[in-house]
Amino acid sequence: MDDSRPRFARFILDEIGSIRSPGKFERQLWAWIEHGPRENRESFRNEHGPSFSFVDFSEHRQLLKKAKSGVFAWALASVRILRSTLLQSTAYNPKMTNFSIAVIPGDGVGQEVVPAALTVLKRIGQKYDVEFTFDNYEWGSDYYLQHGQMMPADALDKLRASDAILLGAIGHPDIPDNVTLNGLLLPIRRAFDQFANVRPAVLYEGVQSPLAGRKGGDINMVVVRENTEGEYAQVGGFLYHDQPEEVAIQTAVFTRRGIERVVRFSFELARNRNKKKRVTSITKSNAQGYGMVLWDRVFQSVASEYPEIETESLLVDAAAMNFVRRPETFDVVVGSNLFGDILSDLSAIVVGSIGLAASANLDPTRRFPSMFEPVHGSAPDIAGRGIANPLATIVSAGMMLDHLGLEEAARLVDGSVTAVLADGKARTPDLGGTATTADVIAAVLEKIG
């Protein structure tokens, strides 16, 4: 039977996924499939350490009964094993002290802010006895100008072996944005199923919002953007290219699976943040009567499983207005690829500067490496002048530490950035100061100690 277990388990996952797709259960069952049968349990525990969660699977029993009797018998036995020996995160090994980080500085100011983040990570490694191996890849626009592509054909294979990816910025004035986006960013996000793009927006103490009457701490939201389908699915084409009657067709693709998993991720995030416990869904279902209507229905279905979380559904135009009018009321905001992209930039400005906008492109199942990057872009107007704000990249690196299981180190990085901003002494021009990138790095390192 051992040889057939993966096939049996996939059948179960298909059955569950077609009904409810309980993400946490799915990841945990996959963990057991990947790491072997019952007799290998002890070696499994020894390999991954003692960080286990004890989960009540009773709510899934009715779903499991949908499977055939033979499959159900095996599944129930597996669930009983999982209940007592289950890893909460199969990719994180508490004993790990060495992490392989793929580094893509990219274009423009990416070449300045990524080294800043690496300096911080090296200091963190010294303090916490953790070794980071940085594999640097000079891909991006310069690579495109030399080779006609943004990254080499085997780029994804090289990145796949990493524990995480740190990206600077992509974009060049002489290369169309659709070339740079589709040549590097989107292939990485899709290949590694980084379906949750997490973009926090915090009004820090000492930072002035362009909105009157807001002070540090008043605004603290996270925009979660569906990251692998929707409006950026690149389904469509051209007819009669460069002719007067030219036609372009662009199709947005929304799947129940894609919507449900990012919505569920957002509810779990709201629960874990434990702040306002509110999830706001953004659509335009009054005008887009298929994809966005599906989004609304899936959101309502998932919301019913989280009665302790308050919900709100807004049309994207109303959301844009309310991001300005009442930003302090938002907690977790979930939207499609396009809407999340636009609103997260707006939230960054509302809290003072896009130079503070960090992000994580997450594969929450941890099957593949996740990617961390600032949102600000390559900023060619200030590139090479030494005045780029490195804090968004440093905060992104802090999010990476948290994802790797180094929670205490992540809190130290976040607290150090918060302290530097509160002091107000090291501010780059985007925050109204005169400090250089190097000045800000030194200030952060001083706070880290």
Protein backbone atom coordinates (compact mmCIF):
# COMPACT_ATOMS: atom_id res chain seq x y z
CA MET A 1 0.00 0.00 0.00
CA ASP A 2 2.93 2.36 0.66
CA ASP A 3 3.60 2.81 -3.05
CA SER A 4 0.00 3.88 -3.58
CA ARG A 5 -0.23 6.34 -0.71
CA PRO A 6 0.56 9.46 -2.74
CA ARG A 7 -2.17 8.50 -5.22
CA PHE A 8 -4.65 7.85 -2.39
CA ALA A 9 -3.74 11.12 -0.67
CA ARG A 10 -4.11 13.13 -3.85
CA PHE A 11 -7.58 11.66 -4.29
CA ILE A 12 -8.47 12.80 -0.77
CA LEU A 13 -7.09 16.28 -1.39
CA ASP A 14 -9.08 16.53 -4.60
CA GLU A 15 -12.22 15.50 -2.73
CA ILE A 16 -11.61 18.02 0.03
CA GLY A 17 -10.52 20.77 -2.33
CA SER A 18 -13.67 20.46 -4.40
CA ILE A 19 -15.80 21.00 -1.33
CA ARG A 20 -14.04 23.34 1.02
CA SER A 21 -10.30 23.36 0.38
CA PRO A 22 -9.17 23.60 4.03
CA GLY A 23 -5.70 24.98 3.39
CA LYS A 24 -4.13 24.13 6.74
CA PHE A 25 -5.32 20.53 6.62
CA GLU A 26 -4.13 20.21 3.03
CA ARG A 27 -0.63 21.42 3.86
CA GLN A 28 -0.38 19.15 6.87
CA LEU A 29 -1.51 16.09 4.96
CA TRP A 30 0.92 16.90 2.19
CA ALA A 31 3.67 17.08 4.80
CA TRP A 32 2.97 13.51 5.82
CA ILE A 33 2.83 12.33 2.21
CA GLU A 34 6.18 13.92 1.44
CA HIS A 35 7.97 12.65 4.54
CA GLY A 36 6.93 9.00 4.57
CA PRO A 37 4.84 6.41 6.34
CA ARG A 38 4.25 5.82 9.98
CA GLU A 39 7.35 3.79 10.67
CA ASN A 40 9.48 6.81 9.74
CA ARG A 41 7.69 9.09 12.21
CA GLU A 42 10.52 9.27 14.73
CA SER A 43 13.14 10.11 12.13
CA PHE A 44 10.72 12.68 10.76
CA ARG A 45 10.46 14.26 14.19
CA ASN A 46 14.21 14.13 14.74
CA GLU A 47 14.85 15.79 11.40
CA HIS A 48 12.41 18.64 11.88
CA GLY A 49 12.59 19.29 15.60
CA PRO A 50 9.94 19.48 18.32
CA SER A 51 7.85 22.37 16.99
CA PHE A 52 4.52 20.62 16.55
CA SER A 53 0.93 21.85 16.61
CA PHE A 54 -1.96 19.76 17.88
CA VAL A 55 -4.91 20.18 15.58
CA ASP A 56 -8.47 18.95 15.94
CA PHE A 57 -9.45 17.41 12.62
CA SER A 58 -13.02 16.56 13.65
CA GLU A 59 -14.44 19.23 11.35
CA HIS A 60 -12.88 17.45 8.36
CA ARG A 61 -14.24 13.97 9.07
CA GLN A 62 -17.40 14.44 7.08
CA LEU A 63 -15.32 15.63 4.16
CA LEU A 64 -13.05 12.62 4.41
CA LYS A 65 -16.09 10.34 4.28
CA LYS A 66 -16.64 11.60 0.77
CA ALA A 67 -13.67 9.45 -0.21
CA LYS A 68 -13.93 5.75 -0.98
CA SER A 69 -13.91 3.44 2.02
CA GLY A 70 -10.41 2.09 1.46
CA VAL A 71 -8.98 5.55 1.01
CA PHE A 72 -10.87 6.83 4.02
CA ALA A 73 -9.48 4.07 6.24
CA TRP A 74 -5.94 5.01 5.29
CA ALA A 75 -6.68 8.73 5.55
CA LEU A 76 -8.16 8.45 9.02
CA ALA A 77 -5.11 6.53 10.21
CA SER A 78 -2.87 9.20 8.73
CA VAL A 79 -4.89 11.95 10.41
CA ARG A 80 -4.50 10.23 13.78
CA ILE A 81 -0.76 10.12 13.24
CA LEU A 82 -0.72 13.73 12.14
CA ARG A 83 -2.69 14.82 15.19
CA SER A 84 0.13 13.73 17.48
CA THR A 85 3.19 14.41 15.32
CA LEU A 86 2.26 17.28 13.04
CA LEU A 87 4.58 20.05 11.98
CA GLN A 88 2.92 23.41 11.79
CA SER A 89 5.28 24.40 9.02
CA THR A 90 6.98 21.62 7.10
CA ALA A 91 9.55 23.86 5.42
CA TYR A 92 10.93 25.47 8.56
CA ASN A 93 13.39 23.37 10.52
CA PRO A 94 13.92 24.88 14.01
CA LYS A 95 17.45 23.49 14.00
CA MET A 96 18.43 25.32 10.82
CA THR A 97 21.21 27.84 11.23
CA ASN A 98 22.09 28.24 7.56
CA PHE A 99 19.80 29.77 4.98
CA SER A 100 20.42 30.11 1.27
CA ILE A 101 19.12 33.45 -0.02
CA ALA A 102 18.90 34.21 -3.72
CA VAL A 103 19.64 37.89 -4.24
CA ILE A 104 18.48 39.82 -7.31
CA PRO A 105 19.38 43.51 -6.89
CA GLY A 106 17.82 44.28 -10.28
CA ASP A 107 17.68 47.80 -11.65
CA GLY A 108 18.12 51.39 -10.54
CA VAL A 109 18.03 51.91 -6.79
CA GLY A 110 17.73 48.16 -6.33
CA GLN A 111 21.52 48.12 -6.66
CA GLU A 112 21.70 50.42 -3.61
CA VAL A 113 18.93 49.25 -1.29
CA VAL A 114 19.57 45.50 -1.56
CA PRO A 115 23.18 45.81 -0.27
CA ALA A 116 21.69 47.79 2.63
CA ALA A 117 19.39 44.91 3.50
CA LEU A 118 22.23 42.41 3.18
CA THR A 119 24.28 44.44 5.64
CA VAL A 120 21.42 44.22 8.12
CA LEU A 121 21.02 40.48 7.56
CA LYS A 122 24.72 39.92 8.17
CA ARG A 123 24.44 41.76 11.48
CA ILE A 124 21.39 39.68 12.38
CA GLY A 125 23.35 36.55 11.54
CA GLN A 126 26.08 37.56 13.96
CA LYS A 127 23.63 38.29 16.77
CA TYR A 128 21.59 35.10 16.39
CA ASP A 129 24.30 32.70 15.26
CA VAL A 130 22.64 32.22 11.90
CA GLU A 131 24.54 31.96 8.63
CA PHE A 132 23.12 33.39 5.44
CA THR A 133 24.55 32.29 2.13
CA PHE A 134 23.82 34.94 -0.48
CA ASP A 135 23.72 33.83 -4.11
CA ASN A 136 23.81 36.99 -6.20
CA TYR A 137 22.17 37.07 -9.64
CA GLU A 138 22.73 40.07 -11.87
CA TRP A 139 19.49 39.72 -13.78
CA GLY A 140 17.23 42.52 -14.90
CA SER A 141 17.29 45.27 -17.48
CA ASP A 142 21.05 45.34 -18.03
CA TYR A 143 20.92 41.58 -18.60
CA TYR A 144 18.08 42.14 -21.06
CA LEU A 145 20.04 44.74 -23.01
CA GLN A 146 22.90 42.27 -23.35
CA HIS A 147 21.00 39.01 -23.89
CA GLY A 148 17.49 39.93 -25.05
CA GLN A 149 15.86 38.42 -21.95
CA MET A 150 15.48 39.51 -18.35
CA MET A 151 16.98 36.34 -16.90
CA PRO A 152 18.52 33.15 -18.30
CA ALA A 153 16.49 30.12 -19.30
CA ASP A 154 17.57 28.16 -16.22
CA ALA A 155 16.87 31.00 -13.78
CA LEU A 156 13.91 29.33 -12.09
CA ASP A 157 15.91 26.15 -11.54
CA LYS A 158 18.64 28.17 -9.85
CA LEU A 159 16.15 29.98 -7.62
CA ARG A 160 14.23 26.84 -6.70
CA ALA A 161 16.97 25.58 -4.39
CA SER A 162 16.90 28.76 -2.27
CA ASP A 163 15.17 29.20 1.06
CA ALA A 164 14.01 32.66 0.00
CA ILE A 165 14.53 35.33 -2.65
CA LEU A 166 15.39 38.97 -2.00
CA LEU A 167 14.63 41.27 -4.91
CA GLY A 168 15.50 44.95 -5.33
CA ALA A 169 13.62 46.55 -8.20
CA ILE A 170 12.88 45.97 -11.85
CA GLY A 171 12.38 48.65 -14.48
CA HIS A 172 14.29 50.68 -17.04
CA PRO A 173 13.32 53.86 -18.94
CA ASP A 174 14.33 52.32 -22.27
CA ILE A 175 12.49 49.00 -21.85
CA PRO A 176 8.68 48.73 -21.86
CA ASP A 177 7.31 47.81 -18.44
CA ASN A 178 5.40 44.85 -19.83
CA VAL A 179 8.72 43.36 -20.95
CA THR A 180 10.39 43.74 -17.56
CA LEU A 181 7.32 42.55 -15.64
CA ASN A 182 6.63 39.51 -17.80
CA GLY A 183 10.31 38.71 -18.18
CA LEU A 184 11.17 38.36 -14.50
CA LEU A 185 8.65 39.18 -11.79
CA LEU A 186 5.58 37.36 -13.07
CA PRO A 187 7.41 34.15 -14.05
CA ILE A 188 8.90 33.88 -10.56
CA ARG A 189 5.58 34.53 -8.84
CA ARG A 190 3.75 31.97 -10.96
CA ALA A 191 6.41 29.26 -11.08
CA PHE A 192 6.71 29.28 -7.29
CA ASP A 193 2.98 29.74 -6.71
CA GLN A 194 3.50 32.88 -4.64
CA PHE A 195 -0.22 33.52 -4.55
CA ALA A 196 -0.31 35.91 -1.58
CA ASN A 197 1.33 39.29 -2.06
CA VAL A 198 1.42 40.86 1.41
CA ARG A 199 1.95 44.62 1.63
CA PRO A 200 1.81 46.23 5.10
CA ALA A 201 1.10 49.94 5.45
CA VAL A 202 1.98 51.39 8.86
CA LEU A 203 2.05 55.03 9.87
CA TYR A 204 5.15 55.04 12.05
CA GLU A 205 5.82 57.40 14.92
CA GLY A 206 7.74 60.37 13.61
CA VAL A 207 6.46 60.03 10.04
CA GLN A 208 3.99 62.58 8.73
CA SER A 209 1.02 61.39 6.72
CA PRO A 210 -0.21 63.66 3.92
CA LEU A 211 -3.62 63.29 5.55
CA ALA A 212 -4.43 65.85 8.23
CA GLY A 213 -5.03 64.72 11.80
CA ARG A 214 -3.29 61.33 11.60
CA LYS A 215 -0.46 60.49 13.97
CA GLY A 216 1.88 57.56 14.39
CA GLY A 217 0.02 54.33 15.05
CA ASP A 218 -3.31 55.53 13.69
CA ILE A 219 -2.96 53.58 10.44
CA ASN A 220 -1.93 49.94 10.45
CA MET A 221 -3.29 47.84 7.60
CA VAL A 222 -2.14 45.05 5.32
CA VAL A 223 -3.18 44.76 1.69
CA VAL A 224 -3.21 41.15 0.50
CA ARG A 225 -3.12 40.94 -3.27
CA GLU A 226 -3.93 37.79 -5.22
CA ASN A 227 -0.66 37.31 -7.05
CA THR A 228 -0.89 34.60 -9.71
CA GLU A 229 -4.07 35.05 -11.75
CA GLY A 230 -6.83 37.65 -12.19
CA GLU A 231 -6.15 40.62 -14.43
CA TYR A 232 -2.45 39.75 -14.75
CA ALA A 233 -3.02 36.28 -16.15
CA GLN A 234 -1.78 37.39 -19.59
CA VAL A 235 -4.57 35.67 -21.48
CA GLY A 236 -5.37 37.42 -24.76
CA GLY A 237 -3.65 38.65 -27.85
CA PHE A 238 -3.51 41.05 -30.80
CA LEU A 239 -5.18 40.97 -34.19
CA TYR A 240 -4.18 43.09 -37.17
CA HIS A 241 -1.02 44.26 -35.46
CA ASP A 242 -0.12 47.90 -36.21
CA GLN A 243 -3.08 48.24 -38.57
CA PRO A 244 -5.85 50.88 -38.21
CA GLU A 245 -8.29 48.12 -37.24
CA GLU A 246 -5.95 46.57 -34.66
CA VAL A 247 -7.68 44.68 -31.86
CA ALA A 248 -6.30 43.77 -28.42
CA ILE A 249 -8.06 41.28 -26.19
CA GLN A 250 -7.13 41.01 -22.51
CA THR A 251 -8.91 38.43 -20.37
CA ALA A 252 -8.94 38.28 -16.57
CA VAL A 253 -8.95 34.78 -15.16
CA PHE A 254 -10.54 34.06 -11.79
CA THR A 255 -10.73 30.57 -10.34
CA ARG A 256 -12.57 29.42 -7.24
CA ARG A 257 -9.36 27.81 -6.00
CA GLY A 258 -7.30 30.94 -6.58
CA ILE A 259 -9.82 33.21 -4.87
CA GLU A 260 -10.51 30.90 -1.96
CA ARG A 261 -6.93 30.35 -0.96
CA VAL A 262 -6.00 34.04 -0.91
CA VAL A 263 -9.21 34.96 0.91
CA ARG A 264 -8.62 32.22 3.48
CA PHE A 265 -5.03 33.42 3.89
CA SER A 266 -6.39 36.92 4.61
CA PHE A 267 -8.76 35.69 7.30
CA GLU A 268 -5.98 33.73 8.95
CA LEU A 269 -3.79 36.84 8.81
CA ALA A 270 -6.50 38.95 10.45
CA ARG A 271 -6.86 36.32 13.16
CA ASN A 272 -3.11 36.14 13.78
CA ARG A 273 -2.57 39.91 13.71
CA ASN A 274 -5.21 40.17 16.42
CA LYS A 275 -5.80 43.86 15.85
CA LYS A 276 -9.15 45.04 14.47
CA LYS A 277 -10.03 41.51 13.30
CA ARG A 278 -11.58 42.81 10.12
CA VAL A 279 -11.18 41.67 6.52
CA THR A 280 -12.25 43.96 3.69
CA SER A 281 -12.85 42.49 0.25
CA ILE A 282 -12.37 44.68 -2.82
CA THR A 283 -14.17 43.99 -6.10
CA LYS A 284 -16.04 45.72 -8.91
CA SER A 285 -18.86 43.22 -9.19
CA ASN A 286 -21.46 45.82 -10.17
CA ALA A 287 -19.71 46.19 -13.54
CA GLN A 288 -17.73 42.94 -13.89
CA GLY A 289 -20.50 40.40 -13.59
CA TYR A 290 -18.60 37.12 -13.71
CA GLY A 291 -15.10 37.04 -12.20
CA MET A 292 -15.87 39.59 -9.51
CA VAL A 293 -19.23 38.03 -8.70
CA LEU A 294 -17.43 34.72 -8.18
CA TRP A 295 -15.01 36.56 -5.91
CA ASP A 296 -17.92 37.94 -3.84
CA ARG A 297 -19.52 34.52 -3.47
CA VAL A 298 -16.29 32.83 -2.44
CA PHE A 299 -15.52 35.61 0.03
CA GLN A 300 -18.91 35.21 1.68
CA SER A 301 -18.46 31.44 1.88
CA VAL A 302 -15.04 31.65 3.53
CA ALA A 303 -16.20 34.44 5.85
CA SER A 304 -18.87 32.14 7.28
CA GLU A 305 -16.08 29.98 8.71
CA TYR A 306 -14.63 32.91 10.68
CA PRO A 307 -17.53 34.29 12.75
CA GLU A 308 -15.15 36.19 15.03
CA ILE A 309 -13.78 38.24 12.08
CA GLU A 310 -15.73 41.29 10.97
CA THR A 311 -16.12 41.68 7.21
CA GLU A 312 -16.67 44.49 4.75
CA SER A 313 -17.06 44.40 0.97
CA LEU A 314 -16.24 47.52 -1.05
CA LEU A 315 -16.20 48.38 -4.71
CA VAL A 316 -12.71 49.43 -5.70
CA ASP A 317 -13.63 53.06 -6.35
CA ALA A 318 -15.24 53.34 -2.91
CA ALA A 319 -12.20 51.63 -1.40
CA ALA A 320 -9.85 54.18 -2.97
CA MET A 321 -11.95 56.97 -1.50
CA ASN A 322 -12.05 55.34 1.95
CA PHE A 323 -8.31 54.69 1.98
CA VAL A 324 -8.02 58.47 2.03
CA ARG A 325 -11.14 59.29 4.06
CA ARG A 326 -10.89 56.65 6.82
CA PRO A 327 -7.64 54.62 6.50
CA GLU A 328 -7.55 53.95 10.23
CA THR A 329 -10.60 51.66 9.93
CA PHE A 330 -8.87 49.04 7.76
CA ASP A 331 -7.08 45.96 9.05
CA VAL A 332 -6.60 43.30 6.35
CA VAL A 333 -7.69 44.19 2.83
CA VAL A 334 -7.86 41.49 0.16
CA GLY A 335 -8.20 42.19 -3.53
CA SER A 336 -7.45 40.93 -7.00
CA ASN A 337 -4.09 41.27 -8.70
CA LEU A 338 -4.92 44.64 -10.25
CA PHE A 339 -6.93 46.15 -7.42
CA GLY A 340 -4.43 45.01 -4.79
CA ASP A 341 -1.58 46.46 -6.83
CA ILE A 342 -3.20 49.89 -7.10
CA LEU A 343 -4.57 50.13 -3.56
CA SER A 344 -1.29 49.04 -1.95
CA ASP A 345 0.50 51.92 -3.65
CA LEU A 346 -2.17 54.27 -2.36
CA SER A 347 -1.82 52.88 1.16
CA ALA A 348 1.94 53.43 0.98
CA ILE A 349 1.52 57.12 0.23
CA VAL A 350 -1.14 57.52 2.89
CA VAL A 351 1.38 56.41 5.54
CA GLY A 352 4.07 58.83 4.39
CA SER A 353 6.23 57.44 1.59
CA ILE A 354 6.43 54.61 -0.88
CA GLY A 355 10.03 54.40 0.33
CA LEU A 356 8.60 52.59 3.37
CA ALA A 357 6.51 50.11 1.38
CA ALA A 358 7.69 46.55 1.91
CA SER A 359 6.17 43.39 0.48
CA ALA A 360 6.30 39.61 0.54
CA ASN A 361 5.34 37.32 -2.34
CA LEU A 362 4.41 34.23 -0.37
CA ASP A 363 3.85 30.60 -1.09
CA PRO A 364 2.16 29.95 2.27
CA THR A 365 2.41 26.18 1.71
CA ARG A 366 6.21 26.57 1.63
CA ARG A 367 6.64 24.14 -1.23
CA PHE A 368 8.65 26.80 -3.07
CA PRO A 369 10.78 29.77 -2.05
CA SER A 370 8.97 33.02 -1.33
CA MET A 371 10.22 36.37 -2.60
CA PHE A 372 10.60 39.63 -0.68
CA GLU A 373 10.90 43.05 -2.27
CA PRO A 374 10.26 46.77 -1.76
CA VAL A 375 7.36 48.22 -3.72
CA HIS A 376 8.97 51.50 -4.76
CA GLY A 377 10.40 50.40 -8.11
CA SER A 378 13.73 51.23 -9.69
CA ALA A 379 13.40 55.05 -9.32
CA PRO A 380 15.79 55.96 -12.17
CA ASP A 381 15.49 59.66 -11.30
CA ILE A 382 17.48 59.17 -8.08
CA ALA A 383 19.45 56.01 -8.90
CA GLY A 384 23.18 56.35 -8.27
CA ARG A 385 22.85 59.44 -6.08
CA GLY A 386 23.06 57.58 -2.77
CA ILE A 387 19.81 58.98 -1.40
CA ALA A 388 17.40 56.07 -1.92
CA ASN A 389 15.44 55.09 1.16
CA PRO A 390 16.57 51.55 2.13
CA LEU A 391 13.93 51.03 4.83
CA ALA A 392 11.35 49.32 2.60
CA THR A 393 13.95 46.75 1.60
CA ILE A 394 15.11 46.32 5.19
CA VAL A 395 11.52 45.79 6.35
CA SER A 396 11.06 43.31 3.49
CA ALA A 397 14.14 41.47 4.76
CA GLY A 398 12.53 41.45 8.20
CA MET A 399 9.43 39.85 6.70
CA MET A 400 11.73 37.26 5.16
CA LEU A 401 13.23 36.50 8.58
CA ASP A 402 9.77 35.96 9.98
CA HIS A 403 8.90 33.64 7.11
CA LEU A 404 12.07 31.64 7.74
CA GLY A 405 11.05 31.13 11.35
CA LEU A 406 13.41 33.70 12.87
CA GLU A 407 10.61 35.61 14.60
CA GLU A 408 12.74 37.24 17.29
CA ALA A 409 15.21 38.53 14.70
CA ALA A 410 12.31 39.81 12.59
CA ARG A 411 10.92 41.73 15.56
CA LEU A 412 14.34 43.26 16.20
CA VAL A 413 14.59 44.50 12.60
CA ASP A 414 11.09 45.93 12.69
CA GLY A 415 11.70 47.56 16.07
CA SER A 416 14.98 49.06 14.87
CA VAL A 417 13.32 50.61 11.81
CA THR A 418 10.54 51.93 14.02
CA ALA A 419 13.08 53.48 16.39
CA VAL A 420 15.06 55.12 13.58
CA LEU A 421 11.91 56.71 12.19
CA ALA A 422 10.79 57.87 15.63
CA ASP A 423 14.18 59.51 16.25
CA GLY A 424 13.83 61.51 13.05
CA LYS A 425 17.57 62.03 12.68
CA ALA A 426 18.25 59.81 9.66
CA ARG A 427 15.67 60.66 7.03
CA THR A 428 16.13 60.39 3.29
CA PRO A 429 14.66 63.12 1.03
CA ASP A 430 11.41 61.19 0.41
CA LEU A 431 10.68 61.70 4.12
CA GLY A 432 11.71 65.35 4.11
CA GLY A 433 15.26 64.82 5.31
CA THR A 434 18.77 65.08 3.92
CA ALA A 435 20.24 61.75 5.01
CA THR A 436 21.93 59.40 2.59
CA THR A 437 21.27 55.72 2.15
CA ALA A 438 24.46 55.02 4.12
CA ASP A 439 23.28 57.26 6.98
CA VAL A 440 20.06 55.29 7.32
CA ILE A 441 21.88 51.95 7.23
CA ALA A 442 24.20 53.13 10.01
CA ALA A 443 21.24 54.26 12.10
CA VAL A 444 19.47 50.93 11.74
CA LEU A 445 22.63 48.99 12.60
CA GLU A 446 23.10 51.13 15.69
CA LYS A 447 19.58 50.26 16.88
CA ILE A 448 20.14 46.55 16.18
CA GLY A 449 23.29 46.69 18.27
